[in-house]
Amino acid sequence: MAQYRRKRGRDISGIVVLDKATGASSNGCLQEVKRLFEAEKAGHTGALDPLATGVLPLCFGEATKVSQFLLDSDKRYRTVLQLGVRTDTADIEGAVISERSPEGISEEMILAALESFKGDIEQTPPMYSALKHKGQPLYKLARAGKEVERKARPVTVYELTLIAFDKAAATLELEIFCSKGTYIRTIGDDLGEMLGCGANVIALRRLQAGAFIEAQCVSIERLRALKEEGGLEAIDALISPADIAVQSLPEVNLPAATAAFVKQGQAVIVRHLPVSGLVRLYEEKRFIGIGTILDDGRVAPKRLFAT
């Protein structure tokens, strides 16, 4: 007799924008939210450092298929740097490497130095990161006292704004809008070295990840309270549709007959398509996945949702 696996949770689909608390791990937050929603399947869209807070989109069910698009999306951060202290992790949680007086550092010097970090730049990833070397996360090697060579990677800093500089406290606050793969800790560390006094991140908040912004965030505490008051229905109301994550892609709406071919894996001819790139696919206004424009002008399925 065939054995059937009993589902371990609800078959729900969509995205919840969590306001991650400081000190918590991204995966720990994911598991707790998954339990609160009693979801069968969930995944996050790129980890935040334990120190960091803010926008952490969590994908449920079929929405996990758009998580890569959120991983690849641009991000916005607000960070506070402490001048005068450099650490091995480039943040307040690391061991102090050096201490140098920040006396004499002016706002004009900071503004001039920040210009070097704007636009297309090369950035060397920190040892304390989740990037892997021969299958081993760099942070594990760092904790073991090992350091390996890391290749500089191209990233883009679209905006870099000095929000505040407290000369007495030797702290400065920055807002940074950047491409995927940009390490804010590395910007802070490199800026400190450029200024000659060292620096480390003492606070970091993500304000935006792709289409999702801080105003949409909900804390785990709020989710618990809502569920206690109104059950699953109350927290389900906070789930956003998966296509919001890819709303920057052009929309292609297919009639049911044409969508049937796409759902069988076939490319189809549709009028008024973009000339290239990825598109959002809809079957009579219902989101069915991501398509790609072929060289011959047809649209082919790339990542389809189960229907």
C-alpha atoms as a PDB file:
ATOM      1  CA  MET A   1       0.000   0.000   0.000  1.00  0.00           C
ATOM      2  CA  ALA A   2       1.416   3.396  -0.968  1.00  0.00           C
ATOM      3  CA  GLN A   3       2.546   5.629   1.840  1.00  0.00           C
ATOM      4  CA  TYR A   4       1.567   9.287   1.688  1.00  0.00           C
ATOM      5  CA  ARG A   5       3.434  11.993   3.536  1.00  0.00           C
ATOM      6  CA  ARG A   6       1.188  14.000   5.774  1.00  0.00           C
ATOM      7  CA  LYS A   7       1.566  17.729   5.229  1.00  0.00           C
ATOM      8  CA  ARG A   8       3.396  19.414   8.089  1.00  0.00           C
ATOM      9  CA  GLY A   9       1.643  22.746   7.736  1.00  0.00           C
ATOM     10  CA  ARG A  10      -0.761  24.911   5.795  1.00  0.00           C
ATOM     11  CA  ASP A  11      -0.376  25.316   2.055  1.00  0.00           C
ATOM     12  CA  ILE A  12      -0.238  29.122   1.991  1.00  0.00           C
ATOM     13  CA  SER A  13       1.537  31.346  -0.510  1.00  0.00           C
ATOM     14  CA  GLY A  14       2.735  34.945  -0.355  1.00  0.00           C
ATOM     15  CA  ILE A  15       5.202  37.258   1.375  1.00  0.00           C
ATOM     16  CA  VAL A  16       5.322  38.734   4.879  1.00  0.00           C
ATOM     17  CA  VAL A  17       7.674  41.660   5.497  1.00  0.00           C
ATOM     18  CA  LEU A  18       9.219  41.071   8.905  1.00  0.00           C
ATOM     19  CA  ASP A  19      10.815  43.780  11.010  1.00  0.00           C
ATOM     20  CA  LYS A  20      13.801  41.763  12.223  1.00  0.00           C
ATOM     21  CA  ALA A  21      14.876  42.553  15.766  1.00  0.00           C
ATOM     22  CA  THR A  22      18.493  43.178  16.714  1.00  0.00           C
ATOM     23  CA  GLY A  23      20.355  40.153  18.072  1.00  0.00           C
ATOM     24  CA  ALA A  24      18.129  37.667  16.267  1.00  0.00           C
ATOM     25  CA  SER A  25      19.329  35.453  13.432  1.00  0.00           C
ATOM     26  CA  SER A  26      17.472  35.650  10.129  1.00  0.00           C
ATOM     27  CA  ASN A  27      16.925  31.889  10.082  1.00  0.00           C
ATOM     28  CA  GLY A  28      15.684  31.889  13.678  1.00  0.00           C
ATOM     29  CA  CYS A  29      13.153  34.591  12.759  1.00  0.00           C
ATOM     30  CA  LEU A  30      12.079  32.596   9.701  1.00  0.00           C
ATOM     31  CA  GLN A  31      11.437  29.456  11.734  1.00  0.00           C
ATOM     32  CA  GLU A  32       9.431  31.325  14.359  1.00  0.00           C
ATOM     33  CA  VAL A  33       7.272  33.114  11.788  1.00  0.00           C
ATOM     34  CA  LYS A  34       6.780  29.853   9.902  1.00  0.00           C
ATOM     35  CA  ARG A  35       5.453  28.285  13.127  1.00  0.00           C
ATOM     36  CA  LEU A  36       3.168  31.252  13.808  1.00  0.00           C
ATOM     37  CA  PHE A  37       1.607  30.940  10.354  1.00  0.00           C
ATOM     38  CA  GLU A  38       1.645  27.127  10.599  1.00  0.00           C
ATOM     39  CA  ALA A  39       3.072  27.151   7.090  1.00  0.00           C
ATOM     40  CA  GLU A  40       4.299  24.058   5.295  1.00  0.00           C
ATOM     41  CA  LYS A  41       7.036  25.845   3.351  1.00  0.00           C
ATOM     42  CA  ALA A  42       8.892  29.109   3.938  1.00  0.00           C
ATOM     43  CA  GLY A  43      12.197  30.793   3.111  1.00  0.00           C
ATOM     44  CA  HIS A  44      13.907  34.132   3.656  1.00  0.00           C
ATOM     45  CA  THR A  45      15.364  36.340   0.953  1.00  0.00           C
ATOM     46  CA  GLY A  46      18.908  36.933   2.136  1.00  0.00           C
ATOM     47  CA  ALA A  47      20.128  37.031   5.719  1.00  0.00           C
ATOM     48  CA  LEU A  48      20.634  40.160   7.785  1.00  0.00           C
ATOM     49  CA  ASP A  49      23.456  40.252  10.346  1.00  0.00           C
ATOM     50  CA  PRO A  50      22.260  39.550  13.923  1.00  0.00           C
ATOM     51  CA  LEU A  51      23.115  43.192  14.753  1.00  0.00           C
ATOM     52  CA  ALA A  52      20.870  44.474  11.946  1.00  0.00           C
ATOM     53  CA  THR A  53      17.164  45.249  12.124  1.00  0.00           C
ATOM     54  CA  GLY A  54      14.482  46.028   9.598  1.00  0.00           C
ATOM     55  CA  VAL A  55      13.073  44.766   6.330  1.00  0.00           C
ATOM     56  CA  LEU A  56      13.319  40.971   5.973  1.00  0.00           C
ATOM     57  CA  PRO A  57      10.819  39.602   3.415  1.00  0.00           C
ATOM     58  CA  LEU A  58       9.766  36.025   4.188  1.00  0.00           C
ATOM     59  CA  CYS A  59       8.277  33.911   1.402  1.00  0.00           C
ATOM     60  CA  PHE A  60       5.658  31.203   1.945  1.00  0.00           C
ATOM     61  CA  GLY A  61       4.772  28.335  -0.377  1.00  0.00           C
ATOM     62  CA  GLU A  62       4.949  29.108  -4.083  1.00  0.00           C
ATOM     63  CA  ALA A  63       6.271  32.600  -3.299  1.00  0.00           C
ATOM     64  CA  THR A  64       9.647  31.011  -2.491  1.00  0.00           C
ATOM     65  CA  LYS A  65      10.058  30.876  -6.285  1.00  0.00           C
ATOM     66  CA  VAL A  66      10.527  34.661  -6.364  1.00  0.00           C
ATOM     67  CA  SER A  67      13.001  34.742  -3.457  1.00  0.00           C
ATOM     68  CA  GLN A  68      15.966  34.909  -5.858  1.00  0.00           C
ATOM     69  CA  PHE A  69      14.574  38.117  -7.342  1.00  0.00           C
ATOM     70  CA  LEU A  70      14.520  39.649  -3.862  1.00  0.00           C
ATOM     71  CA  LEU A  71      18.056  38.390  -3.206  1.00  0.00           C
ATOM     72  CA  ASP A  72      19.132  40.172  -6.392  1.00  0.00           C
ATOM     73  CA  SER A  73      17.213  43.376  -5.664  1.00  0.00           C
ATOM     74  CA  ASP A  74      18.598  46.741  -4.596  1.00  0.00           C
ATOM     75  CA  LYS A  75      18.605  47.570  -0.868  1.00  0.00           C
ATOM     76  CA  ARG A  76      18.449  50.706   1.286  1.00  0.00           C
ATOM     77  CA  TYR A  77      20.082  50.959   4.740  1.00  0.00           C
ATOM     78  CA  ARG A  78      20.520  53.414   7.609  1.00  0.00           C
ATOM     79  CA  THR A  79      23.677  52.857   9.648  1.00  0.00           C
ATOM     80  CA  VAL A  80      25.571  54.471  12.535  1.00  0.00           C
ATOM     81  CA  LEU A  81      29.379  54.285  12.641  1.00  0.00           C
ATOM     82  CA  GLN A  82      31.624  54.745  15.646  1.00  0.00           C
ATOM     83  CA  LEU A  83      34.860  56.489  14.679  1.00  0.00           C
ATOM     84  CA  GLY A  84      38.139  55.691  16.432  1.00  0.00           C
ATOM     85  CA  VAL A  85      37.659  51.930  16.863  1.00  0.00           C
ATOM     86  CA  ARG A  86      38.307  49.215  14.281  1.00  0.00           C
ATOM     87  CA  THR A  87      37.136  45.618  14.893  1.00  0.00           C
ATOM     88  CA  ASP A  88      37.738  42.280  13.180  1.00  0.00           C
ATOM     89  CA  THR A  89      34.060  42.018  12.162  1.00  0.00           C
ATOM     90  CA  ALA A  90      33.793  45.727  11.235  1.00  0.00           C
ATOM     91  CA  ASP A  91      30.931  46.060  13.715  1.00  0.00           C
ATOM     92  CA  ILE A  92      30.449  46.481  17.454  1.00  0.00           C
ATOM     93  CA  GLU A  93      30.225  42.718  18.027  1.00  0.00           C
ATOM     94  CA  GLY A  94      33.817  42.050  16.973  1.00  0.00           C
ATOM     95  CA  ALA A  95      37.149  42.114  18.780  1.00  0.00           C
ATOM     96  CA  VAL A  96      38.962  45.453  18.754  1.00  0.00           C
ATOM     97  CA  ILE A  97      41.882  45.541  16.304  1.00  0.00           C
ATOM     98  CA  SER A  98      42.960  49.126  16.848  1.00  0.00           C
ATOM     99  CA  GLU A  99      41.977  52.363  18.571  1.00  0.00           C
ATOM    100  CA  ARG A 100      42.992  55.726  17.138  1.00  0.00           C
ATOM    101  CA  SER A 101      41.820  59.179  18.075  1.00  0.00           C
ATOM    102  CA  PRO A 102      39.169  60.650  15.735  1.00  0.00           C
ATOM    103  CA  GLU A 103      40.014  64.143  16.969  1.00  0.00           C
ATOM    104  CA  GLY A 104      40.333  66.520  14.070  1.00  0.00           C
ATOM    105  CA  ILE A 105      37.907  64.646  11.825  1.00  0.00           C
ATOM    106  CA  SER A 106      35.509  67.188  10.318  1.00  0.00           C
ATOM    107  CA  GLU A 107      32.231  66.928   8.434  1.00  0.00           C
ATOM    108  CA  GLU A 108      34.005  68.260   5.350  1.00  0.00           C
ATOM    109  CA  MET A 109      36.581  65.438   5.544  1.00  0.00           C
ATOM    110  CA  ILE A 110      33.808  62.839   5.859  1.00  0.00           C
ATOM    111  CA  LEU A 111      31.847  64.252   2.904  1.00  0.00           C
ATOM    112  CA  ALA A 112      34.980  64.266   0.749  1.00  0.00           C
ATOM    113  CA  ALA A 113      35.804  60.661   1.684  1.00  0.00           C
ATOM    114  CA  LEU A 114      32.247  59.464   0.986  1.00  0.00           C
ATOM    115  CA  GLU A 115      32.600  60.491  -2.666  1.00  0.00           C
ATOM    116  CA  SER A 116      34.997  57.547  -3.144  1.00  0.00           C
ATOM    117  CA  PHE A 117      32.206  55.076  -2.305  1.00  0.00           C
ATOM    118  CA  LYS A 118      29.582  56.354  -4.740  1.00  0.00           C
ATOM    119  CA  GLY A 119      28.746  54.763  -8.067  1.00  0.00           C
ATOM    120  CA  ASP A 120      30.296  51.560  -9.443  1.00  0.00           C
ATOM    121  CA  ILE A 121      32.991  50.418  -7.012  1.00  0.00           C
ATOM    122  CA  GLU A 122      35.038  47.322  -6.195  1.00  0.00           C
ATOM    123  CA  GLN A 123      34.506  45.920  -2.720  1.00  0.00           C
ATOM    124  CA  THR A 124      36.384  43.106  -0.943  1.00  0.00           C
ATOM    125  CA  PRO A 125      33.920  40.998   1.083  1.00  0.00           C
ATOM    126  CA  PRO A 126      34.679  40.739   4.823  1.00  0.00           C
ATOM    127  CA  MET A 127      35.925  37.492   6.363  1.00  0.00           C
ATOM    128  CA  TYR A 128      32.905  37.584   8.662  1.00  0.00           C
ATOM    129  CA  SER A 129      30.386  36.879   5.902  1.00  0.00           C
ATOM    130  CA  ALA A 130      28.313  33.954   4.626  1.00  0.00           C
ATOM    131  CA  LEU A 131      30.280  33.732   1.373  1.00  0.00           C
ATOM    132  CA  LYS A 132      31.948  30.356   0.932  1.00  0.00           C
ATOM    133  CA  HIS A 133      35.557  29.320   0.304  1.00  0.00           C
ATOM    134  CA  LYS A 134      35.898  25.705  -0.869  1.00  0.00           C
ATOM    135  CA  GLY A 135      32.445  24.974   0.536  1.00  0.00           C
ATOM    136  CA  GLN A 136      33.120  26.524   3.942  1.00  0.00           C
ATOM    137  CA  PRO A 137      31.449  29.791   5.040  1.00  0.00           C
ATOM    138  CA  LEU A 138      34.027  32.525   5.517  1.00  0.00           C
ATOM    139  CA  TYR A 139      32.734  33.392   8.995  1.00  0.00           C
ATOM    140  CA  LYS A 140      33.525  29.851  10.189  1.00  0.00           C
ATOM    141  CA  LEU A 141      37.095  30.186   8.931  1.00  0.00           C
ATOM    142  CA  ALA A 142      37.331  33.609  10.580  1.00  0.00           C
ATOM    143  CA  ARG A 143      36.162  32.204  13.902  1.00  0.00           C
ATOM    144  CA  ALA A 144      38.889  29.570  13.622  1.00  0.00           C
ATOM    145  CA  GLY A 145      41.453  32.347  13.223  1.00  0.00           C
ATOM    146  CA  LYS A 146      41.987  31.748   9.514  1.00  0.00           C
ATOM    147  CA  GLU A 147      42.000  34.351   6.786  1.00  0.00           C
ATOM    148  CA  VAL A 148      41.804  33.578   3.071  1.00  0.00           C
ATOM    149  CA  GLU A 149      42.223  35.816   0.051  1.00  0.00           C
ATOM    150  CA  ARG A 150      38.938  37.272  -1.219  1.00  0.00           C
ATOM    151  CA  LYS A 151      38.491  38.733  -4.663  1.00  0.00           C
ATOM    152  CA  ALA A 152      37.075  42.233  -4.895  1.00  0.00           C
ATOM    153  CA  ARG A 153      33.592  42.266  -6.395  1.00  0.00           C
ATOM    154  CA  PRO A 154      31.797  44.992  -8.347  1.00  0.00           C
ATOM    155  CA  VAL A 155      28.874  46.636  -6.532  1.00  0.00           C
ATOM    156  CA  THR A 156      26.977  49.868  -7.098  1.00  0.00           C
ATOM    157  CA  VAL A 157      26.211  52.538  -4.515  1.00  0.00           C
ATOM    158  CA  TYR A 158      23.423  54.652  -6.025  1.00  0.00           C
ATOM    159  CA  GLU A 159      23.065  57.018  -3.070  1.00  0.00           C
ATOM    160  CA  LEU A 160      25.269  57.663  -0.037  1.00  0.00           C
ATOM    161  CA  THR A 161      24.101  60.430   2.266  1.00  0.00           C
ATOM    162  CA  LEU A 162      25.562  61.752   5.505  1.00  0.00           C
ATOM    163  CA  ILE A 163      22.518  62.140   7.774  1.00  0.00           C
ATOM    164  CA  ALA A 164      24.303  63.297  10.922  1.00  0.00           C
ATOM    165  CA  PHE A 165      27.779  63.749  12.407  1.00  0.00           C
ATOM    166  CA  ASP A 166      28.204  64.019  16.171  1.00  0.00           C
ATOM    167  CA  LYS A 167      31.737  65.300  16.648  1.00  0.00           C
ATOM    168  CA  ALA A 168      31.645  64.967  20.442  1.00  0.00           C
ATOM    169  CA  ALA A 169      30.495  61.328  20.354  1.00  0.00           C
ATOM    170  CA  ALA A 170      32.589  60.598  17.229  1.00  0.00           C
ATOM    171  CA  THR A 171      29.621  58.950  15.500  1.00  0.00           C
ATOM    172  CA  LEU A 172      28.151  59.467  12.084  1.00  0.00           C
ATOM    173  CA  GLU A 173      24.906  58.285  10.497  1.00  0.00           C
ATOM    174  CA  LEU A 174      24.634  57.308   6.839  1.00  0.00           C
ATOM    175  CA  GLU A 175      21.824  56.306   4.491  1.00  0.00           C
ATOM    176  CA  ILE A 176      22.915  53.994   1.685  1.00  0.00           C
ATOM    177  CA  PHE A 177      21.005  52.806  -1.387  1.00  0.00           C
ATOM    178  CA  CYS A 178      22.988  50.060  -3.086  1.00  0.00           C
ATOM    179  CA  SER A 179      23.004  46.983  -5.290  1.00  0.00           C
ATOM    180  CA  LYS A 180      22.899  43.400  -4.080  1.00  0.00           C
ATOM    181  CA  GLY A 181      26.066  42.091  -2.461  1.00  0.00           C
ATOM    182  CA  THR A 182      27.099  45.427  -0.959  1.00  0.00           C
ATOM    183  CA  TYR A 183      28.497  45.094   2.560  1.00  0.00           C
ATOM    184  CA  ILE A 184      27.680  48.088   4.725  1.00  0.00           C
ATOM    185  CA  ARG A 185      30.238  46.945   7.316  1.00  0.00           C
ATOM    186  CA  THR A 186      32.931  47.054   4.637  1.00  0.00           C
ATOM    187  CA  ILE A 187      31.947  50.597   3.621  1.00  0.00           C
ATOM    188  CA  GLY A 188      32.209  51.601   7.294  1.00  0.00           C
ATOM    189  CA  ASP A 189      35.577  49.896   7.764  1.00  0.00           C
ATOM    190  CA  ASP A 190      37.030  51.304   4.534  1.00  0.00           C
ATOM    191  CA  LEU A 191      35.745  54.786   5.372  1.00  0.00           C
ATOM    192  CA  GLY A 192      37.377  54.605   8.811  1.00  0.00           C
ATOM    193  CA  GLU A 193      40.700  53.661   7.241  1.00  0.00           C
ATOM    194  CA  MET A 194      40.406  56.446   4.689  1.00  0.00           C
ATOM    195  CA  LEU A 195      39.842  58.910   7.537  1.00  0.00           C
ATOM    196  CA  GLY A 196      42.843  57.454   9.385  1.00  0.00           C
ATOM    197  CA  CYS A 197      41.047  56.693  12.646  1.00  0.00           C
ATOM    198  CA  GLY A 198      39.179  53.444  12.004  1.00  0.00           C
ATOM    199  CA  ALA A 199      35.443  52.877  12.332  1.00  0.00           C
ATOM    200  CA  ASN A 200      32.904  50.155  12.996  1.00  0.00           C
ATOM    201  CA  VAL A 201      29.148  49.744  12.586  1.00  0.00           C
ATOM    202  CA  ILE A 202      27.249  50.130  15.862  1.00  0.00           C
ATOM    203  CA  ALA A 203      23.730  50.151  14.384  1.00  0.00           C
ATOM    204  CA  LEU A 204      22.303  48.972  11.073  1.00  0.00           C
ATOM    205  CA  ARG A 205      18.729  49.013   9.794  1.00  0.00           C
ATOM    206  CA  ARG A 206      17.476  47.879   6.401  1.00  0.00           C
ATOM    207  CA  LEU A 207      14.820  50.284   5.156  1.00  0.00           C
ATOM    208  CA  GLN A 208      14.053  48.650   1.822  1.00  0.00           C
ATOM    209  CA  ALA A 209      14.550  45.380  -0.060  1.00  0.00           C
ATOM    210  CA  GLY A 210      13.358  45.584  -3.643  1.00  0.00           C
ATOM    211  CA  ALA A 211       9.686  46.601  -3.656  1.00  0.00           C
ATOM    212  CA  PHE A 212       9.296  46.150   0.111  1.00  0.00           C
ATOM    213  CA  ILE A 213       9.763  49.089   2.477  1.00  0.00           C
ATOM    214  CA  GLU A 214       9.992  49.753   6.211  1.00  0.00           C
ATOM    215  CA  ALA A 215       6.362  50.936   6.449  1.00  0.00           C
ATOM    216  CA  GLN A 216       5.186  47.420   5.519  1.00  0.00           C
ATOM    217  CA  CYS A 217       7.140  45.740   8.323  1.00  0.00           C
ATOM    218  CA  VAL A 218       5.549  43.791  11.157  1.00  0.00           C
ATOM    219  CA  SER A 219       7.420  42.536  14.223  1.00  0.00           C
ATOM    220  CA  ILE A 220       7.259  39.005  15.584  1.00  0.00           C
ATOM    221  CA  GLU A 221       5.724  40.442  18.771  1.00  0.00           C
ATOM    222  CA  ARG A 222       2.948  42.053  16.722  1.00  0.00           C
ATOM    223  CA  LEU A 223       2.320  38.807  14.841  1.00  0.00           C
ATOM    224  CA  ARG A 224       2.009  36.917  18.130  1.00  0.00           C
ATOM    225  CA  ALA A 225      -0.438  39.477  19.498  1.00  0.00           C
ATOM    226  CA  LEU A 226      -2.550  39.495  16.337  1.00  0.00           C
ATOM    227  CA  LYS A 227      -2.749  35.711  16.250  1.00  0.00           C
ATOM    228  CA  GLU A 228      -3.743  35.604  19.911  1.00  0.00           C
ATOM    229  CA  GLU A 229      -6.486  38.154  19.264  1.00  0.00           C
ATOM    230  CA  GLY A 230      -7.805  36.985  15.905  1.00  0.00           C
ATOM    231  CA  GLY A 231      -6.238  33.640  15.031  1.00  0.00           C
ATOM    232  CA  LEU A 232      -4.677  32.720  11.708  1.00  0.00           C
ATOM    233  CA  GLU A 233      -7.127  34.884   9.802  1.00  0.00           C
ATOM    234  CA  ALA A 234      -5.742  38.004  11.485  1.00  0.00           C
ATOM    235  CA  ILE A 235      -2.132  37.337  10.497  1.00  0.00           C
ATOM    236  CA  ASP A 236      -3.030  35.961   7.055  1.00  0.00           C
ATOM    237  CA  ALA A 237      -4.296  39.461   6.251  1.00  0.00           C
ATOM    238  CA  LEU A 238      -0.650  40.615   6.347  1.00  0.00           C
ATOM    239  CA  ILE A 239       0.456  38.292   3.525  1.00  0.00           C
ATOM    240  CA  SER A 240       1.290  40.157   0.299  1.00  0.00           C
ATOM    241  CA  PRO A 241       0.907  38.550  -3.148  1.00  0.00           C
ATOM    242  CA  ALA A 242       4.102  37.091  -4.573  1.00  0.00           C
ATOM    243  CA  ASP A 243       4.024  39.216  -7.726  1.00  0.00           C
ATOM    244  CA  ILE A 244       4.742  42.363  -5.695  1.00  0.00           C
ATOM    245  CA  ALA A 245       8.319  41.083  -5.405  1.00  0.00           C
ATOM    246  CA  VAL A 246       8.718  41.304  -9.190  1.00  0.00           C
ATOM    247  CA  GLN A 247       6.522  44.318  -9.935  1.00  0.00           C
ATOM    248  CA  SER A 248       9.418  46.043 -11.688  1.00  0.00           C
ATOM    249  CA  LEU A 249       9.165  43.456 -14.498  1.00  0.00           C
ATOM    250  CA  PRO A 250       6.826  44.180 -17.435  1.00  0.00           C
ATOM    251  CA  GLU A 251       3.397  42.532 -17.217  1.00  0.00           C
ATOM    252  CA  VAL A 252       2.181  40.095 -19.877  1.00  0.00           C
ATOM    253  CA  ASN A 253      -1.445  39.039 -19.588  1.00  0.00           C
ATOM    254  CA  LEU A 254      -2.308  35.814 -21.439  1.00  0.00           C
ATOM    255  CA  PRO A 255      -5.716  34.465 -22.460  1.00  0.00           C
ATOM    256  CA  ALA A 256      -6.510  31.075 -20.916  1.00  0.00           C
ATOM    257  CA  ALA A 257      -5.878  29.165 -24.157  1.00  0.00           C
ATOM    258  CA  THR A 258      -2.409  30.684 -24.602  1.00  0.00           C
ATOM    259  CA  ALA A 259      -1.563  30.299 -20.899  1.00  0.00           C
ATOM    260  CA  ALA A 260      -2.336  26.576 -21.182  1.00  0.00           C
ATOM    261  CA  PHE A 261       0.555  26.151 -23.646  1.00  0.00           C
ATOM    262  CA  VAL A 262       2.890  28.171 -21.374  1.00  0.00           C
ATOM    263  CA  LYS A 263       1.965  25.985 -18.388  1.00  0.00           C
ATOM    264  CA  GLN A 264       2.969  22.960 -20.478  1.00  0.00           C
ATOM    265  CA  GLY A 265       6.416  24.516 -20.917  1.00  0.00           C
ATOM    266  CA  GLN A 266       5.919  25.887 -24.416  1.00  0.00           C
ATOM    267  CA  ALA A 267       6.920  29.291 -25.781  1.00  0.00           C
ATOM    268  CA  VAL A 268       4.113  31.347 -27.312  1.00  0.00           C
ATOM    269  CA  ILE A 269       3.647  34.358 -29.552  1.00  0.00           C
ATOM    270  CA  VAL A 270       2.021  37.343 -27.843  1.00  0.00           C
ATOM    271  CA  ARG A 271       1.495  40.850 -29.155  1.00  0.00           C
ATOM    272  CA  HIS A 272       3.198  43.910 -27.682  1.00  0.00           C
ATOM    273  CA  LEU A 273       5.964  42.039 -25.845  1.00  0.00           C
ATOM    274  CA  PRO A 274       9.157  43.748 -24.637  1.00  0.00           C
ATOM    275  CA  VAL A 275      12.111  43.041 -26.927  1.00  0.00           C
ATOM    276  CA  SER A 276      14.075  41.146 -24.270  1.00  0.00           C
ATOM    277  CA  GLY A 277      14.377  40.265 -20.585  1.00  0.00           C
ATOM    278  CA  LEU A 278      12.063  38.829 -17.973  1.00  0.00           C
ATOM    279  CA  VAL A 279       8.329  39.456 -17.636  1.00  0.00           C
ATOM    280  CA  ARG A 280       5.532  38.763 -15.164  1.00  0.00           C
ATOM    281  CA  LEU A 281       3.055  36.258 -16.593  1.00  0.00           C
ATOM    282  CA  TYR A 282      -0.661  36.398 -15.844  1.00  0.00           C
ATOM    283  CA  GLU A 283      -3.494  34.157 -16.950  1.00  0.00           C
ATOM    284  CA  GLU A 284      -6.430  36.540 -17.314  1.00  0.00           C
ATOM    285  CA  LYS A 285      -5.045  38.760 -14.509  1.00  0.00           C
ATOM    286  CA  ARG A 286      -4.012  35.835 -12.246  1.00  0.00           C
ATOM    287  CA  PHE A 287      -0.247  35.670 -11.635  1.00  0.00           C
ATOM    288  CA  ILE A 288       1.221  32.395 -12.877  1.00  0.00           C
ATOM    289  CA  GLY A 289       4.970  33.060 -12.822  1.00  0.00           C
ATOM    290  CA  ILE A 290       7.987  34.529 -14.605  1.00  0.00           C
ATOM    291  CA  GLY A 291       8.648  34.351 -18.320  1.00  0.00           C
ATOM    292  CA  THR A 292      11.586  35.237 -20.543  1.00  0.00           C
ATOM    293  CA  ILE A 293      11.592  36.793 -24.006  1.00  0.00           C
ATOM    294  CA  LEU A 294      13.372  34.610 -26.574  1.00  0.00           C
ATOM    295  CA  ASP A 295      15.509  35.873 -29.453  1.00  0.00           C
ATOM    296  CA  ASP A 296      12.694  35.091 -31.915  1.00  0.00           C
ATOM    297  CA  GLY A 297      10.256  37.306 -29.996  1.00  0.00           C
ATOM    298  CA  ARG A 298       8.242  34.575 -28.285  1.00  0.00           C
ATOM    299  CA  VAL A 299       7.770  34.398 -24.522  1.00  0.00           C
ATOM    300  CA  ALA A 300       8.791  31.199 -22.720  1.00  0.00           C
ATOM    301  CA  PRO A 301       8.128  30.104 -19.119  1.00  0.00           C
ATOM    302  CA  LYS A 302      11.077  30.515 -16.756  1.00  0.00           C
ATOM    303  CA  ARG A 303       9.587  29.958 -13.283  1.00  0.00           C
ATOM    304  CA  LEU A 304       5.918  28.959 -13.046  1.00  0.00           C
ATOM    305  CA  PHE A 305       3.704  28.761  -9.994  1.00  0.00           C
ATOM    306  CA  ALA A 306       1.705  25.624  -9.246  1.00  0.00           C
ATOM    307  CA  THR A 307      -1.966  26.258  -9.983  1.00  0.00           C
END
